[in-house]
Amino acid sequence: MSMAQERFVSIEEFYAMRGKTDNLLEYVDGVVFMSPSPSVKHQRISSRLHVKLFAFLEGKKSDCEVFHAPFTLHAFLSV
């Protein structure tokens, strides 16, 4: 179960927090969530899915890439 902080933080504060911990942190709309480590079952499924997706894309003319978690993703919505 993720636990949210009670206050909103800036993206700069979030990056500072990430630099001070080994915990998995997520930042969503100004709220920081701490994520638990994935289970062994989750890791098995994730690994197998990664291998299959990689094999499917290998040799194809595509800009798609497969990455295994954890992976930092920066998504910005422009309105």
C-alpha atoms as a PDB file:
ATOM      1  CA  MET A   1       0.000   0.000   0.000  1.00  0.00           C
ATOM      2  CA  SER A   2       1.359   3.429  -0.925  1.00  0.00           C
ATOM      3  CA  MET A   3       1.319   6.221   1.602  1.00  0.00           C
ATOM      4  CA  ALA A   4       0.986   9.815   0.449  1.00  0.00           C
ATOM      5  CA  GLN A   5       2.557  12.784   2.123  1.00  0.00           C
ATOM      6  CA  GLU A   6       0.106  15.282   3.553  1.00  0.00           C
ATOM      7  CA  ARG A   7       1.501  18.295   1.716  1.00  0.00           C
ATOM      8  CA  PHE A   8       2.206  19.155  -1.882  1.00  0.00           C
ATOM      9  CA  VAL A   9       5.862  19.403  -2.884  1.00  0.00           C
ATOM     10  CA  SER A  10       7.598  20.972  -5.848  1.00  0.00           C
ATOM     11  CA  ILE A  11       9.428  18.851  -8.385  1.00  0.00           C
ATOM     12  CA  GLU A  12      12.696  20.279  -7.040  1.00  0.00           C
ATOM     13  CA  GLU A  13      11.794  19.139  -3.511  1.00  0.00           C
ATOM     14  CA  PHE A  14      10.920  15.707  -4.878  1.00  0.00           C
ATOM     15  CA  TYR A  15      14.303  15.337  -6.582  1.00  0.00           C
ATOM     16  CA  ALA A  16      16.019  16.381  -3.352  1.00  0.00           C
ATOM     17  CA  MET A  17      14.007  13.752  -1.450  1.00  0.00           C
ATOM     18  CA  ARG A  18      14.934  11.041  -3.974  1.00  0.00           C
ATOM     19  CA  GLY A  19      18.606  11.831  -3.495  1.00  0.00           C
ATOM     20  CA  LYS A  20      18.344  11.128   0.240  1.00  0.00           C
ATOM     21  CA  THR A  21      16.667   7.700   0.166  1.00  0.00           C
ATOM     22  CA  ASP A  22      16.898   4.271  -1.422  1.00  0.00           C
ATOM     23  CA  ASN A  23      13.102   3.887  -1.263  1.00  0.00           C
ATOM     24  CA  LEU A  24      11.090   3.897  -4.475  1.00  0.00           C
ATOM     25  CA  LEU A  25       9.300   7.234  -4.660  1.00  0.00           C
ATOM     26  CA  GLU A  26       6.698   8.408  -7.150  1.00  0.00           C
ATOM     27  CA  TYR A  27       5.591  11.975  -7.805  1.00  0.00           C
ATOM     28  CA  VAL A  28       2.027  12.511  -9.025  1.00  0.00           C
ATOM     29  CA  ASP A  29       0.476  15.973  -9.213  1.00  0.00           C
ATOM     30  CA  GLY A  30       2.641  17.335  -6.401  1.00  0.00           C
ATOM     31  CA  VAL A  31       2.109  14.375  -4.078  1.00  0.00           C
ATOM     32  CA  VAL A  32       4.900  11.938  -3.197  1.00  0.00           C
ATOM     33  CA  PHE A  33       4.098   8.241  -2.856  1.00  0.00           C
ATOM     34  CA  MET A  34       6.421   5.606  -1.415  1.00  0.00           C
ATOM     35  CA  SER A  35       6.132   2.338  -3.333  1.00  0.00           C
ATOM     36  CA  PRO A  36       6.901  -1.025  -1.742  1.00  0.00           C
ATOM     37  CA  SER A  37       9.313  -3.421  -3.425  1.00  0.00           C
ATOM     38  CA  PRO A  38       7.558  -5.681  -5.919  1.00  0.00           C
ATOM     39  CA  SER A  39       6.806  -9.279  -4.947  1.00  0.00           C
ATOM     40  CA  VAL A  40       8.707 -12.262  -6.345  1.00  0.00           C
ATOM     41  CA  LYS A  41       5.631 -13.214  -8.408  1.00  0.00           C
ATOM     42  CA  HIS A  42       5.494  -9.701  -9.864  1.00  0.00           C
ATOM     43  CA  GLN A  43       9.214  -9.842 -10.716  1.00  0.00           C
ATOM     44  CA  ARG A  44       8.826 -13.207 -12.487  1.00  0.00           C
ATOM     45  CA  ILE A  45       5.930 -11.927 -14.591  1.00  0.00           C
ATOM     46  CA  SER A  46       7.738  -8.668 -15.329  1.00  0.00           C
ATOM     47  CA  SER A  47      10.931 -10.481 -16.376  1.00  0.00           C
ATOM     48  CA  ARG A  48       9.100 -12.862 -18.689  1.00  0.00           C
ATOM     49  CA  LEU A  49       7.126 -10.037 -20.254  1.00  0.00           C
ATOM     50  CA  HIS A  50      10.341  -8.068 -20.793  1.00  0.00           C
ATOM     51  CA  VAL A  51      11.997 -11.010 -22.576  1.00  0.00           C
ATOM     52  CA  LYS A  52       8.982 -11.595 -24.840  1.00  0.00           C
ATOM     53  CA  LEU A  53       8.597  -7.925 -25.760  1.00  0.00           C
ATOM     54  CA  PHE A  54      12.328  -7.599 -26.442  1.00  0.00           C
ATOM     55  CA  ALA A  55      12.306 -10.708 -28.659  1.00  0.00           C
ATOM     56  CA  PHE A  56       9.233  -9.448 -30.532  1.00  0.00           C
ATOM     57  CA  LEU A  57      10.827  -6.066 -31.287  1.00  0.00           C
ATOM     58  CA  GLU A  58      14.326  -7.357 -32.066  1.00  0.00           C
ATOM     59  CA  GLY A  59      15.180  -6.900 -35.727  1.00  0.00           C
ATOM     60  CA  LYS A  60      12.060  -4.873 -36.484  1.00  0.00           C
ATOM     61  CA  LYS A  61      12.294  -1.366 -37.881  1.00  0.00           C
ATOM     62  CA  SER A  62      10.863   0.403 -34.869  1.00  0.00           C
ATOM     63  CA  ASP A  63      11.771   3.218 -32.520  1.00  0.00           C
ATOM     64  CA  CYS A  64      10.282   1.227 -29.625  1.00  0.00           C
ATOM     65  CA  GLU A  65      12.562   0.085 -26.822  1.00  0.00           C
ATOM     66  CA  VAL A  66      11.914  -2.215 -23.887  1.00  0.00           C
ATOM     67  CA  PHE A  67      13.226  -1.232 -20.463  1.00  0.00           C
ATOM     68  CA  HIS A  68      13.042  -3.185 -17.241  1.00  0.00           C
ATOM     69  CA  ALA A  69      11.848  -1.380 -14.107  1.00  0.00           C
ATOM     70  CA  PRO A  70      12.654   0.623 -12.168  1.00  0.00           C
ATOM     71  CA  PHE A  71      12.925   3.311 -14.790  1.00  0.00           C
ATOM     72  CA  THR A  72      12.589   7.042 -14.315  1.00  0.00           C
ATOM     73  CA  LEU A  73       9.982   8.526 -16.599  1.00  0.00           C
ATOM     74  CA  HIS A  74       9.351  12.235 -16.955  1.00  0.00           C
ATOM     75  CA  ALA A  75       5.912  12.872 -18.424  1.00  0.00           C
ATOM     76  CA  PHE A  76       4.706  16.409 -18.935  1.00  0.00           C
ATOM     77  CA  LEU A  77       1.282  17.491 -20.100  1.00  0.00           C
ATOM     78  CA  SER A  78       1.194  20.638 -22.164  1.00  0.00           C
ATOM     79  CA  VAL A  79      -2.147  22.428 -22.099  1.00  0.00           C
END
